[in-house]
Amino acid sequence: MVKNEYHRLLNRQLKKAGLDFLENPRYFEFINMVNEAYKSFDKDIKHIENILEQNSKELFAANKKLTIERDHTKTQLENIVDNISGVIFKTDLKGNFTFLNNAWVEYSGVPLEESIGKNFKEFLKKDGIEGKRIINNMFSLKKKHIKLIFKHEKNGTLMWFELKSKLIVNREGEPSGFIGTITDITNLKVTEIELQKASKAKDEFLSTMSHEIRTPLNAVTGLTNILLMEDHLPEQIENLKALKYSGEHLLGLINDLLDFDKVKSGKVKIIDDDFSLNYFLKNIKSHFTLRSEEKGLEFKLIQKNDIPNNIIGDKLKLAQIIKNLLSNSLKFTDTGSIILSVKNLGIKENKVKLKFKVIDTGIGISKKEQESIFESFMQANSKTSVKYGGTGLGLSISKKLLNLQGSDLKVKSQLKKGSTFSFVIEYKISNRLNAFEPEMIKQQPDYEPITINVLVAEDNKLNMLILKRFFLKWNVKYKTAENGKEVLAIYKDFDFDLILMDLQMPQLNGYETTKIIRALPDKKKANIPIIALTAFAQTDIKEKTRLHKMNGFMSKPFNPEKLYILLKSYSKEYCKK
């Protein structure tokens, strides 16, 4: 092979080395091998260059395609963000806007260029935020999620919005700002406000109708009670008892409907307070022993495992539940007995778990009918409803009241053998040595004269007539007033042991009058016992009378036994004990 035919790099190296392989044939074969290696290397380089060039073209094409897709996606996202009905925003950690979409301009009326960089506090008014929110701390590192409702007026139109946002972090995991949405909820909020108005109107209607129905009922049952207390012909007794039963039955229906409405609308609150469980059970026993004896039934109260005396709970709700269950047992039991059992299931962390059972030997409930008895307006069957009456709400109300307190109502029953209703409920044990409870007064009093001076505020003449008849029979001293202003005028000149205060009176109602009395400079006069007279349901009144510093309430229609016991408890003889 001629020297010039060698690879350029080999020629260069041979020249540099000054070798002439023709003079030394032994290197000839080696030089040829090196030359072939150089040429093979050139071919490999060329091949790799071709591959790289091809890959470069493919990468360029792929990059161009990705760029087009990115730009297309970006355009789509921008179109979506700018045409979405709600506001999308981004802020820094201080709450300064770093991004806003076009919806911001539509809702706020402020151009984007005037809003970016501004703080949210410049646009969100404190008095426009629903609920108690501290506006300065709204965008805070302590709050990873923010949710609030606010109102905004634009061109004289009030609009409502819901704001939701969350804390965002950068690649290093450090907080970098907030991103969120502002959604127009005007239609939803307007509907909610209208529903609230409708609910309030319904409540006012029910309260007014309750008062209007109870007022004539008070006259019917009150006059019936007076007739039963006075001399009457033997043949009239059944008619009078039937009249009294009808009035009391109608009152029970009204109470059930009002209580059911309260429970269903979620307006019932559990109010815990200290009370004596022993005293509570004695009252229940005393009341239902009398009612059971009237029907020829035996009533038993069984207490197991050292029932604690003083506990903390909602006594009124417990009374309502147990009275509902016992009244049902009385209604559906013709022979045999009714048992109220209370068992201590154990004490843990200063809380006692109590199991209440109401056991009767009544008509019983079939397995199939047990599935529906806790539903609203449901009774075991239509024959039961026709024969025994009632709304079918008692068990439903009781179950819902227990559910509110983390408990539930269970039933076990066999047809013609009786029923057992039970529930387990937990109460805190009171640290007080004794929860104050007045001394038990006999449930069926002898109606002896009472030494008491009463001021009665009552604008209804029929109610006043009934009270006067009761007072006359019990030798009660009294003065009357038809409104709050008359009460204050009379009370200024005379002393009394008790004020019976109607809550609904013209000129000055019972609550307002009580507030003025409690503020009198004469402490003795300011602290006089005041009992509210009301035709409203107990669930409405208890909390209101407590807030207005009243000593209790007496429901209309007046029960002569309860009225007598109330007056007796504030009489001079009783207060000396």
Protein backbone atom coordinates (compact mmCIF):
# COMPACT_ATOMS: atom_id res chain seq x y z
CA MET A 1 0.00 0.00 0.00
CA VAL A 2 1.32 3.43 -0.93
CA LYS A 3 1.92 5.77 2.00
CA ASN A 4 -0.46 8.45 0.69
CA GLU A 5 -3.34 5.96 0.78
CA TYR A 6 -3.08 5.69 4.52
CA HIS A 7 -5.55 7.49 6.84
CA ARG A 8 -4.74 11.15 7.28
CA LEU A 9 -4.14 10.76 11.00
CA LEU A 10 -1.79 7.81 10.41
CA ASN A 11 0.18 9.74 7.76
CA ARG A 12 0.53 12.62 10.21
CA GLN A 13 1.82 10.34 12.95
CA LEU A 14 4.26 8.50 10.60
CA LYS A 15 5.63 11.79 9.37
CA LYS A 16 6.06 13.06 12.87
CA ALA A 17 7.84 9.86 13.90
CA GLY A 18 10.11 9.96 10.79
CA LEU A 19 9.55 6.30 10.04
CA ASP A 20 9.80 4.77 6.59
CA PHE A 21 8.22 1.33 6.78
CA LEU A 22 9.39 0.57 3.17
CA GLU A 23 12.94 0.40 4.49
CA ASN A 24 11.69 -1.86 7.23
CA PRO A 25 9.15 -4.29 5.76
CA ARG A 26 8.44 -5.93 9.11
CA TYR A 27 6.24 -2.91 10.14
CA PHE A 28 4.21 -3.06 6.94
CA GLU A 29 1.57 -5.52 8.17
CA PHE A 30 1.16 -3.68 11.51
CA ILE A 31 0.78 -0.28 9.82
CA ASN A 32 -1.94 -1.68 7.58
CA MET A 33 -3.88 -2.96 10.62
CA VAL A 34 -3.68 0.47 12.28
CA ASN A 35 -4.80 2.12 9.07
CA GLU A 36 -7.87 -0.19 8.84
CA ALA A 37 -8.72 0.60 12.48
CA TYR A 38 -8.66 4.34 11.74
CA LYS A 39 -10.95 3.92 8.74
CA SER A 40 -13.35 1.72 10.74
CA PHE A 41 -13.41 4.35 13.48
CA ASP A 42 -14.32 7.02 10.90
CA LYS A 43 -17.21 4.90 9.70
CA ASP A 44 -18.47 4.48 13.31
CA ILE A 45 -18.24 8.21 13.92
CA LYS A 46 -20.16 8.90 10.74
CA HIS A 47 -22.83 6.40 11.74
CA ILE A 48 -23.18 7.96 15.19
CA GLU A 49 -23.37 11.42 13.65
CA ASN A 50 -26.19 10.23 11.40
CA ILE A 51 -28.02 8.76 14.37
CA LEU A 52 -27.53 11.94 16.42
CA GLU A 53 -28.73 14.07 13.54
CA GLN A 54 -31.83 11.90 13.16
CA ASN A 55 -32.50 11.99 16.92
CA SER A 56 -31.99 15.72 16.95
CA LYS A 57 -34.60 16.13 14.24
CA GLU A 58 -37.01 13.86 16.14
CA LEU A 59 -36.39 15.73 19.41
CA PHE A 60 -36.91 19.06 17.66
CA ALA A 61 -40.18 17.80 16.21
CA ALA A 62 -41.30 16.39 19.60
CA ASN A 63 -40.36 19.63 21.36
CA LYS A 64 -42.26 21.63 18.78
CA LYS A 65 -45.30 19.39 19.26
CA LEU A 66 -45.10 19.68 23.07
CA THR A 67 -44.78 23.46 22.79
CA ILE A 68 -47.87 23.58 20.60
CA GLU A 69 -49.78 21.31 23.02
CA ARG A 70 -48.57 23.38 25.99
CA ASP A 71 -49.66 26.60 24.38
CA HIS A 72 -52.98 25.01 23.40
CA THR A 73 -53.52 23.72 26.97
CA LYS A 74 -52.49 27.08 28.39
CA THR A 75 -54.96 28.82 26.08
CA GLN A 76 -57.69 26.38 27.05
CA LEU A 77 -56.98 26.86 30.78
CA GLU A 78 -56.92 30.63 30.34
CA ASN A 79 -60.23 30.48 28.48
CA ILE A 80 -61.73 28.26 31.19
CA VAL A 81 -60.39 30.42 34.02
CA ASP A 82 -61.49 33.64 32.32
CA ASN A 83 -64.94 32.33 31.42
CA ILE A 84 -65.71 30.39 34.60
CA SER A 85 -68.64 31.82 36.56
CA GLY A 86 -66.73 32.11 39.83
CA VAL A 87 -63.67 34.09 40.84
CA ILE A 88 -60.33 32.26 40.99
CA PHE A 89 -57.65 34.10 42.96
CA LYS A 90 -54.15 33.72 44.30
CA THR A 91 -52.51 35.76 47.06
CA ASP A 92 -49.16 35.96 48.76
CA LEU A 93 -48.81 35.14 52.44
CA LYS A 94 -49.96 38.65 53.40
CA GLY A 95 -53.19 38.38 51.42
CA ASN A 96 -52.11 40.56 48.48
CA PHE A 97 -53.64 39.42 45.19
CA THR A 98 -51.13 37.97 42.69
CA PHE A 99 -53.72 36.55 40.28
CA LEU A 100 -57.39 37.15 39.52
CA ASN A 101 -59.53 35.91 36.65
CA ASN A 102 -62.02 38.00 34.64
CA ALA A 103 -64.96 37.03 36.89
CA TRP A 104 -63.44 39.34 39.51
CA VAL A 105 -64.19 42.36 37.32
CA GLU A 106 -67.77 41.21 36.75
CA TYR A 107 -68.54 40.76 40.46
CA SER A 108 -66.44 43.50 42.06
CA GLY A 109 -66.59 46.11 39.34
CA VAL A 110 -62.85 46.82 39.82
CA PRO A 111 -60.44 46.33 36.86
CA LEU A 112 -57.78 43.62 37.20
CA GLU A 113 -54.88 46.07 36.87
CA GLU A 114 -56.24 48.03 39.83
CA SER A 115 -56.73 44.88 41.93
CA ILE A 116 -53.50 42.90 41.43
CA GLY A 117 -51.09 43.73 44.24
CA LYS A 118 -53.86 45.10 46.46
CA ASN A 119 -54.73 43.45 49.77
CA PHE A 120 -58.01 41.55 50.19
CA LYS A 121 -58.92 43.83 53.15
CA GLU A 122 -59.38 46.71 50.71
CA PHE A 123 -62.27 44.86 49.07
CA LEU A 124 -63.79 42.81 51.93
CA LYS A 125 -65.79 44.80 54.47
CA LYS A 126 -65.88 43.56 58.05
CA ASP A 127 -69.63 44.14 58.47
CA GLY A 128 -70.31 42.18 55.28
CA ILE A 129 -68.90 38.90 56.60
CA GLU A 130 -71.39 36.37 57.96
CA GLY A 131 -70.62 35.22 61.48
CA LYS A 132 -67.94 36.49 63.84
CA ARG A 133 -64.69 36.52 61.84
CA ILE A 134 -61.49 38.46 62.61
CA ILE A 135 -60.63 39.95 59.23
CA ASN A 136 -56.99 40.79 60.06
CA ASN A 137 -56.13 37.16 60.80
CA MET A 138 -58.11 35.68 57.93
CA PHE A 139 -55.12 34.76 55.74
CA SER A 140 -52.77 33.23 58.29
CA LEU A 141 -50.22 30.41 58.29
CA LYS A 142 -52.22 28.89 61.16
CA LYS A 143 -55.19 28.41 58.83
CA LYS A 144 -54.53 25.93 56.05
CA HIS A 145 -58.14 26.17 54.86
CA ILE A 146 -60.44 29.21 54.87
CA LYS A 147 -64.18 29.25 54.28
CA LEU A 148 -66.54 32.17 54.76
CA ILE A 149 -69.68 33.79 53.39
CA PHE A 150 -69.86 37.52 52.73
CA LYS A 151 -72.16 40.01 51.04
CA HIS A 152 -71.30 42.71 48.52
CA GLU A 153 -73.41 45.44 46.99
CA LYS A 154 -72.96 46.24 43.31
CA ASN A 155 -75.03 48.88 41.53
CA GLY A 156 -77.59 48.78 44.32
CA THR A 157 -77.97 44.99 44.14
CA LEU A 158 -77.03 42.91 47.18
CA MET A 159 -75.07 39.77 46.30
CA TRP A 160 -73.83 36.88 48.48
CA PHE A 161 -70.58 34.99 47.93
CA GLU A 162 -68.80 31.98 49.40
CA LEU A 163 -65.01 32.20 49.65
CA LYS A 164 -62.88 29.06 49.91
CA SER A 165 -59.08 29.00 49.92
CA LYS A 166 -56.15 26.85 50.97
CA LEU A 167 -52.51 27.40 51.82
CA ILE A 168 -50.08 26.43 49.02
CA VAL A 169 -46.38 25.52 49.31
CA ASN A 170 -43.41 25.82 46.93
CA ARG A 171 -41.04 23.06 45.77
CA GLU A 172 -39.09 23.28 49.00
CA GLY A 173 -42.30 22.65 50.97
CA GLU A 174 -42.42 26.21 52.35
CA PRO A 175 -45.71 28.21 52.43
CA SER A 176 -45.88 30.56 49.47
CA GLY A 177 -49.41 31.93 49.50
CA PHE A 178 -53.09 31.09 49.16
CA ILE A 179 -55.21 29.95 46.22
CA GLY A 180 -58.98 29.87 46.23
CA THR A 181 -62.37 30.60 44.70
CA ILE A 182 -65.21 33.06 45.25
CA THR A 183 -68.60 31.67 44.19
CA ASP A 184 -71.85 33.56 43.72
CA ILE A 185 -74.42 31.99 46.09
CA THR A 186 -76.96 34.81 45.93
CA ASN A 187 -79.85 32.59 44.80
CA LEU A 188 -79.04 29.97 47.44
CA LYS A 189 -78.72 32.60 50.18
CA VAL A 190 -81.92 34.37 49.18
CA THR A 191 -83.72 31.01 49.29
CA GLU A 192 -82.21 30.30 52.70
CA ILE A 193 -83.33 33.70 54.02
CA GLU A 194 -86.82 33.15 52.64
CA LEU A 195 -86.94 29.70 54.25
CA GLN A 196 -85.83 31.22 57.55
CA LYS A 197 -88.58 33.81 57.27
CA ALA A 198 -91.09 31.09 56.43
CA SER A 199 -89.86 29.00 59.37
CA LYS A 200 -90.14 32.00 61.69
CA ALA A 201 -93.63 32.77 60.36
CA LYS A 202 -94.58 29.11 60.91
CA ASP A 203 -93.23 29.23 64.48
CA GLU A 204 -95.11 32.44 65.18
CA PHE A 205 -98.25 30.93 63.68
CA LEU A 206 -97.92 27.78 65.80
CA SER A 207 -97.26 29.83 68.92
CA THR A 208 -100.20 32.13 68.24
CA MET A 209 -102.52 29.25 67.40
CA SER A 210 -101.32 27.40 70.48
CA HIS A 211 -102.15 30.43 72.61
CA GLU A 212 -105.49 30.96 70.91
CA ILE A 213 -106.50 27.29 71.30
CA ARG A 214 -105.25 27.02 74.88
CA THR A 215 -107.12 30.14 76.01
CA PRO A 216 -110.65 28.71 75.48
CA LEU A 217 -109.33 25.30 76.59
CA ASN A 218 -108.27 26.91 79.83
CA ALA A 219 -111.82 28.10 80.34
CA VAL A 220 -113.32 24.67 79.52
CA THR A 221 -110.98 22.61 81.71
CA GLY A 222 -110.78 25.26 84.43
CA LEU A 223 -114.53 25.55 84.82
CA THR A 224 -114.81 21.75 84.67
CA ASN A 225 -112.30 21.45 87.53
CA ILE A 226 -114.26 23.99 89.57
CA LEU A 227 -117.52 22.11 88.94
CA LEU A 228 -115.86 18.85 90.02
CA MET A 229 -114.63 20.53 93.23
CA GLU A 230 -118.08 21.97 94.01
CA ASP A 231 -121.31 20.19 94.84
CA HIS A 232 -122.91 18.51 91.85
CA LEU A 233 -125.52 15.90 91.14
CA PRO A 234 -124.25 12.26 91.14
CA GLU A 235 -125.44 11.75 87.57
CA GLN A 236 -123.33 14.73 86.44
CA ILE A 237 -119.98 13.23 87.51
CA GLU A 238 -119.50 11.15 84.33
CA ASN A 239 -120.32 14.12 82.09
CA LEU A 240 -117.88 16.37 83.96
CA LYS A 241 -115.12 13.76 83.85
CA ALA A 242 -115.69 13.27 80.14
CA LEU A 243 -115.53 17.01 79.60
CA LYS A 244 -112.29 17.24 81.60
CA TYR A 245 -110.77 14.29 79.73
CA SER A 246 -111.65 15.81 76.35
CA GLY A 247 -110.01 19.12 77.26
CA GLU A 248 -106.87 17.45 78.61
CA HIS A 249 -106.69 15.13 75.60
CA LEU A 250 -106.87 18.04 73.17
CA LEU A 251 -104.17 19.84 75.16
CA GLY A 252 -101.97 16.74 74.94
CA LEU A 253 -102.39 16.66 71.15
CA ILE A 254 -101.37 20.31 70.88
CA ASN A 255 -98.30 19.74 73.05
CA ASP A 256 -97.24 16.70 70.99
CA LEU A 257 -97.52 18.62 67.72
CA LEU A 258 -95.54 21.59 69.05
CA ASP A 259 -92.84 19.38 70.57
CA PHE A 260 -92.58 17.35 67.37
CA ASP A 261 -92.14 20.51 65.30
CA LYS A 262 -89.37 21.73 67.63
CA VAL A 263 -87.51 18.43 67.53
CA LYS A 264 -87.87 18.04 63.76
CA SER A 265 -86.58 21.56 63.03
CA GLY A 266 -83.55 21.03 65.28
CA LYS A 267 -84.48 23.83 67.68
CA VAL A 268 -84.38 21.68 70.80
CA LYS A 269 -81.32 22.30 72.95
CA ILE A 270 -80.02 20.08 75.73
CA ILE A 271 -79.67 22.18 78.88
CA ASP A 272 -77.62 20.45 81.59
CA ASP A 273 -78.09 21.40 85.23
CA ASP A 274 -77.76 19.86 88.70
CA PHE A 275 -80.79 17.96 89.92
CA SER A 276 -81.70 15.30 92.47
CA LEU A 277 -82.47 12.01 90.72
CA ASN A 278 -84.11 10.60 93.87
CA TYR A 279 -86.44 13.60 94.15
CA PHE A 280 -87.17 13.36 90.42
CA LEU A 281 -88.11 9.67 90.71
CA LYS A 282 -90.25 10.31 93.80
CA ASN A 283 -92.21 12.93 91.85
CA ILE A 284 -92.70 10.51 88.95
CA LYS A 285 -93.80 7.77 91.36
CA SER A 286 -96.21 10.05 93.21
CA HIS A 287 -97.83 11.27 89.99
CA PHE A 288 -98.18 7.92 88.23
CA THR A 289 -99.19 5.99 91.35
CA LEU A 290 -102.30 8.17 91.52
CA ARG A 291 -103.02 7.81 87.81
CA SER A 292 -102.50 4.03 87.95
CA GLU A 293 -104.78 3.65 90.98
CA GLU A 294 -107.52 5.54 89.13
CA LYS A 295 -107.35 2.82 86.46
CA GLY A 296 -107.04 -0.08 88.94
CA LEU A 297 -103.36 -0.73 88.10
CA GLU A 298 -100.33 -1.22 90.34
CA PHE A 299 -97.37 1.12 89.85
CA LYS A 300 -93.86 0.19 91.02
CA LEU A 301 -90.57 2.07 91.09
CA ILE A 302 -87.49 -0.17 91.25
CA GLN A 303 -84.01 1.27 91.83
CA LYS A 304 -80.96 -1.01 91.46
CA ASN A 305 -77.24 -0.73 92.31
CA ASP A 306 -77.11 2.46 94.41
CA ILE A 307 -78.49 5.14 92.14
CA PRO A 308 -76.49 8.40 92.67
CA ASN A 309 -78.59 11.19 94.12
CA ASN A 310 -77.21 14.34 92.49
CA ILE A 311 -76.47 14.29 88.76
CA ILE A 312 -76.02 16.82 85.93
CA GLY A 313 -78.33 16.58 82.93
CA ASP A 314 -81.47 17.90 81.26
CA LYS A 315 -84.16 17.07 83.80
CA LEU A 316 -87.00 18.44 81.66
CA LYS A 317 -86.10 16.22 78.68
CA LEU A 318 -85.75 13.16 80.94
CA ALA A 319 -89.14 13.90 82.48
CA GLN A 320 -90.71 14.29 79.04
CA ILE A 321 -89.30 10.95 77.85
CA ILE A 322 -90.31 8.98 80.94
CA LYS A 323 -93.75 10.59 81.12
CA ASN A 324 -94.34 9.77 77.45
CA LEU A 325 -93.41 6.12 78.04
CA LEU A 326 -95.42 5.79 81.26
CA SER A 327 -98.44 7.56 79.75
CA ASN A 328 -98.32 5.12 76.83
CA SER A 329 -98.20 2.19 79.25
CA LEU A 330 -101.18 3.60 81.17
CA LYS A 331 -103.10 4.08 77.93
CA PHE A 332 -102.53 0.55 76.64
CA THR A 333 -102.72 -1.39 79.93
CA ASP A 334 -106.11 -2.38 81.32
CA THR A 335 -105.06 -4.89 84.00
CA GLY A 336 -101.89 -5.74 85.87
CA SER A 337 -99.04 -3.38 86.61
CA ILE A 338 -96.63 -0.78 85.31
CA ILE A 339 -92.99 -0.75 86.47
CA LEU A 340 -90.38 1.99 86.15
CA SER A 341 -86.94 0.45 86.68
CA VAL A 342 -83.71 2.46 87.04
CA LYS A 343 -80.40 0.59 87.17
CA ASN A 344 -76.87 1.88 87.75
CA LEU A 345 -74.70 0.18 85.08
CA GLY A 346 -71.48 1.61 86.46
CA ILE A 347 -69.51 4.79 87.13
CA LYS A 348 -66.45 5.79 85.12
CA GLU A 349 -64.56 9.11 85.07
CA ASN A 350 -67.22 10.79 87.21
CA LYS A 351 -70.00 9.73 84.80
CA VAL A 352 -72.79 7.30 85.61
CA LYS A 353 -74.50 5.10 83.05
CA LEU A 354 -78.17 4.55 83.88
CA LYS A 355 -80.60 2.10 82.30
CA PHE A 356 -84.27 3.11 82.42
CA LYS A 357 -86.99 0.54 81.69
CA VAL A 358 -90.77 0.95 81.53
CA ILE A 359 -92.46 -2.44 81.79
CA ASP A 360 -96.20 -2.99 81.44
CA THR A 361 -98.70 -5.85 81.14
CA GLY A 362 -100.64 -4.14 78.36
CA ILE A 363 -101.84 -5.14 74.92
CA GLY A 364 -98.30 -5.59 73.52
CA ILE A 365 -96.94 -4.97 70.03
CA SER A 366 -96.35 -7.51 67.27
CA LYS A 367 -92.88 -8.00 65.74
CA LYS A 368 -93.98 -6.45 62.45
CA GLU A 369 -95.53 -3.41 64.10
CA GLN A 370 -92.42 -2.82 66.27
CA GLU A 371 -90.57 -1.76 63.11
CA SER A 372 -92.76 1.31 62.60
CA ILE A 373 -93.86 2.48 66.06
CA PHE A 374 -91.01 5.02 66.32
CA GLU A 375 -92.03 6.73 63.09
CA SER A 376 -93.89 10.04 63.28
CA PHE A 377 -97.71 9.85 63.47
CA MET A 378 -97.51 6.04 63.62
CA GLN A 379 -99.33 3.74 66.02
CA ALA A 380 -99.26 -0.05 66.16
CA ASN A 381 -102.29 -0.25 63.85
CA SER A 382 -105.38 1.69 62.81
CA LYS A 383 -107.56 -0.14 65.36
CA THR A 384 -105.24 1.04 68.15
CA SER A 385 -105.58 4.62 66.95
CA VAL A 386 -109.36 4.41 66.82
CA LYS A 387 -109.69 2.72 70.24
CA TYR A 388 -107.04 4.57 72.26
CA GLY A 389 -106.61 7.85 70.38
CA GLY A 390 -103.43 9.95 70.34
CA THR A 391 -101.20 11.41 67.65
CA GLY A 392 -98.58 8.65 67.46
CA LEU A 393 -95.87 11.24 68.18
CA GLY A 394 -94.93 10.36 71.78
CA LEU A 395 -92.48 7.56 70.95
CA SER A 396 -91.03 9.45 67.97
CA ILE A 397 -90.39 12.54 70.13
CA SER A 398 -88.88 10.42 72.93
CA LYS A 399 -86.56 8.61 70.52
CA LYS A 400 -85.38 11.87 68.93
CA LEU A 401 -84.78 13.48 72.34
CA LEU A 402 -82.67 10.47 73.34
CA ASN A 403 -80.76 10.60 70.05
CA LEU A 404 -79.86 14.21 70.82
CA GLN A 405 -78.26 12.96 74.05
CA GLY A 406 -76.34 10.08 72.46
CA SER A 407 -78.87 7.43 73.47
CA ASP A 408 -81.61 5.40 71.79
CA LEU A 409 -84.99 3.90 72.62
CA LYS A 410 -85.43 0.11 72.41
CA VAL A 411 -88.55 -2.06 72.60
CA LYS A 412 -89.30 -5.68 73.48
CA SER A 413 -92.88 -6.81 73.30
CA GLN A 414 -95.30 -9.69 72.79
CA LEU A 415 -98.92 -9.38 71.81
CA LYS A 416 -101.30 -9.62 74.79
CA LYS A 417 -98.34 -10.00 77.21
CA GLY A 418 -97.06 -6.45 77.51
CA SER A 419 -94.15 -4.28 76.44
CA THR A 420 -90.77 -3.12 77.74
CA PHE A 421 -89.27 0.14 76.54
CA SER A 422 -85.69 0.86 77.62
CA PHE A 423 -82.82 3.25 77.07
CA VAL A 424 -79.31 3.71 78.46
CA ILE A 425 -78.15 7.26 79.12
CA GLU A 426 -75.03 8.77 80.65
CA TYR A 427 -74.99 11.67 83.11
CA LYS A 428 -72.23 13.48 84.94
CA ILE A 429 -72.22 13.05 88.72
CA SER A 430 -72.65 16.38 90.46
CA ASN A 431 -69.97 17.50 92.92
CA ARG A 432 -72.58 19.37 94.93
CA LEU A 433 -73.51 17.71 98.17
CA ASN A 434 -77.18 18.37 97.58
CA ALA A 435 -79.03 19.69 94.57
CA PHE A 436 -81.78 21.95 95.94
CA GLU A 437 -85.25 20.53 95.52
CA PRO A 438 -88.35 21.79 97.35
CA GLU A 439 -89.95 19.52 99.89
CA MET A 440 -92.41 17.08 98.39
CA ILE A 441 -95.98 18.23 98.73
CA LYS A 442 -98.78 15.75 98.49
CA GLN A 443 -99.94 15.39 94.85
CA GLN A 444 -103.62 15.33 95.80
CA PRO A 445 -103.87 18.13 98.37
CA ASP A 446 -106.68 18.47 100.89
CA TYR A 447 -107.29 22.05 99.73
CA GLU A 448 -106.93 23.66 103.13
CA PRO A 449 -106.89 27.47 103.30
CA ILE A 450 -103.59 29.04 102.21
CA THR A 451 -102.10 32.09 103.93
CA ILE A 452 -100.65 33.94 100.97
CA ASN A 453 -101.08 37.34 99.31
CA VAL A 454 -100.86 37.14 95.50
CA LEU A 455 -100.71 39.74 92.75
CA VAL A 456 -102.17 38.30 89.55
CA ALA A 457 -101.35 39.83 86.15
CA GLU A 458 -103.84 38.36 83.65
CA ASP A 459 -105.66 40.16 80.82
CA ASN A 460 -108.02 37.31 79.90
CA LYS A 461 -111.28 37.64 81.82
CA LEU A 462 -112.14 33.91 81.65
CA ASN A 463 -108.72 32.95 83.03
CA MET A 464 -109.13 35.53 85.76
CA LEU A 465 -112.62 34.21 86.59
CA ILE A 466 -111.24 30.68 87.02
CA LEU A 467 -108.36 31.88 89.21
CA LYS A 468 -110.77 33.90 91.37
CA ARG A 469 -112.95 30.82 91.90
CA PHE A 470 -109.89 28.80 92.98
CA PHE A 471 -108.65 31.59 95.26
CA LEU A 472 -112.10 31.92 96.84
CA LYS A 473 -112.18 28.20 97.70
CA TRP A 474 -108.65 28.32 99.18
CA ASN A 475 -109.06 31.68 101.03
CA VAL A 476 -106.21 33.22 99.04
CA LYS A 477 -105.81 37.01 99.25
CA TYR A 478 -105.16 38.59 95.88
CA LYS A 479 -105.19 41.69 93.70
CA THR A 480 -105.49 41.70 89.92
CA ALA A 481 -103.93 43.67 87.07
CA GLU A 482 -104.66 43.52 83.34
CA ASN A 483 -101.27 44.67 82.08
CA GLY A 484 -97.69 45.32 83.18
CA LYS A 485 -98.24 49.00 83.92
CA GLU A 486 -101.05 48.16 86.36
CA VAL A 487 -98.79 45.55 88.00
CA LEU A 488 -96.07 48.16 88.64
CA ALA A 489 -98.60 50.69 89.95
CA ILE A 490 -100.19 48.21 92.40
CA TYR A 491 -96.85 46.70 93.46
CA LYS A 492 -95.55 50.17 94.32
CA ASP A 493 -98.15 50.57 97.09
CA PHE A 494 -98.67 46.99 98.31
CA ASP A 495 -96.55 44.04 99.42
CA PHE A 496 -97.14 40.51 98.16
CA ASP A 497 -95.75 37.01 98.71
CA LEU A 498 -95.98 36.02 95.05
CA ILE A 499 -96.69 37.45 91.59
CA LEU A 500 -98.44 35.32 88.96
CA MET A 501 -97.37 37.02 85.72
CA ASP A 502 -99.08 36.41 82.38
CA LEU A 503 -96.47 36.71 79.62
CA GLN A 504 -98.73 38.11 76.89
CA MET A 505 -100.29 41.36 78.08
CA PRO A 506 -101.02 44.68 76.36
CA GLN A 507 -98.91 47.81 76.94
CA LEU A 508 -96.18 46.01 78.93
CA ASN A 509 -95.72 42.24 78.65
CA GLY A 510 -94.68 39.84 81.41
CA TYR A 511 -90.99 39.73 80.48
CA GLU A 512 -90.65 43.53 80.39
CA THR A 513 -92.53 43.94 83.65
CA THR A 514 -90.35 41.33 85.38
CA LYS A 515 -87.20 43.11 84.15
CA ILE A 516 -88.37 46.38 85.73
CA ILE A 517 -89.26 44.66 89.03
CA ARG A 518 -85.88 42.89 89.23
CA ALA A 519 -84.17 46.29 88.84
CA LEU A 520 -86.05 47.97 91.74
CA PRO A 521 -83.77 49.60 94.38
CA ASP A 522 -85.72 47.90 97.19
CA LYS A 523 -84.03 44.45 97.23
CA LYS A 524 -86.93 42.79 99.02
CA LYS A 525 -89.40 43.95 96.38
CA ALA A 526 -86.92 43.22 93.56
CA ASN A 527 -86.52 39.60 94.66
CA ILE A 528 -90.20 38.68 95.02
CA PRO A 529 -91.01 35.24 93.53
CA ILE A 530 -92.51 35.64 90.05
CA ILE A 531 -94.22 32.71 88.30
CA ALA A 532 -95.02 33.01 84.60
CA LEU A 533 -98.53 32.13 83.42
CA THR A 534 -98.36 30.87 79.86
CA ALA A 535 -100.33 29.05 77.22
CA PHE A 536 -97.15 28.23 75.29
CA ALA A 537 -95.37 24.88 75.32
CA GLN A 538 -92.86 24.15 78.10
CA THR A 539 -89.98 23.76 75.65
CA ASP A 540 -90.50 27.38 74.55
CA ILE A 541 -90.83 28.89 77.99
CA LYS A 542 -88.34 27.27 80.38
CA GLU A 543 -85.22 28.93 78.99
CA LYS A 544 -86.90 32.33 78.47
CA THR A 545 -88.26 32.49 82.00
CA ARG A 546 -84.86 31.52 83.41
CA LEU A 547 -83.10 34.24 81.39
CA HIS A 548 -85.61 36.81 82.65
CA LYS A 549 -85.00 35.70 86.27
CA MET A 550 -88.47 34.28 86.83
CA ASN A 551 -88.89 31.57 89.46
CA GLY A 552 -90.83 29.17 87.25
CA PHE A 553 -93.94 28.91 85.11
CA MET A 554 -97.49 27.58 85.31
CA SER A 555 -99.02 26.27 82.10
CA LYS A 556 -102.56 27.04 81.03
CA PRO A 557 -105.10 25.46 81.29
CA PHE A 558 -104.58 25.57 85.05
CA ASN A 559 -104.38 22.27 86.85
CA PRO A 560 -106.00 22.90 90.28
CA GLU A 561 -103.69 20.44 92.07
CA LYS A 562 -100.53 21.97 90.59
CA LEU A 563 -101.79 25.50 91.18
CA TYR A 564 -102.60 24.70 94.81
CA ILE A 565 -99.20 23.07 95.35
CA LEU A 566 -97.47 26.09 93.80
CA LEU A 567 -99.32 28.55 96.03
CA LYS A 568 -98.73 26.34 99.07
CA SER A 569 -94.97 26.28 98.41
CA TYR A 570 -94.81 30.09 98.60
CA SER A 571 -97.29 30.45 101.49
CA LYS A 572 -96.32 31.97 104.84
CA GLU A 573 -96.78 28.65 106.67
CA TYR A 574 -94.58 26.76 104.23
CA CYS A 575 -91.84 29.42 104.11
CA LYS A 576 -91.53 29.31 107.94
CA LYS A 577 -90.52 25.63 107.82
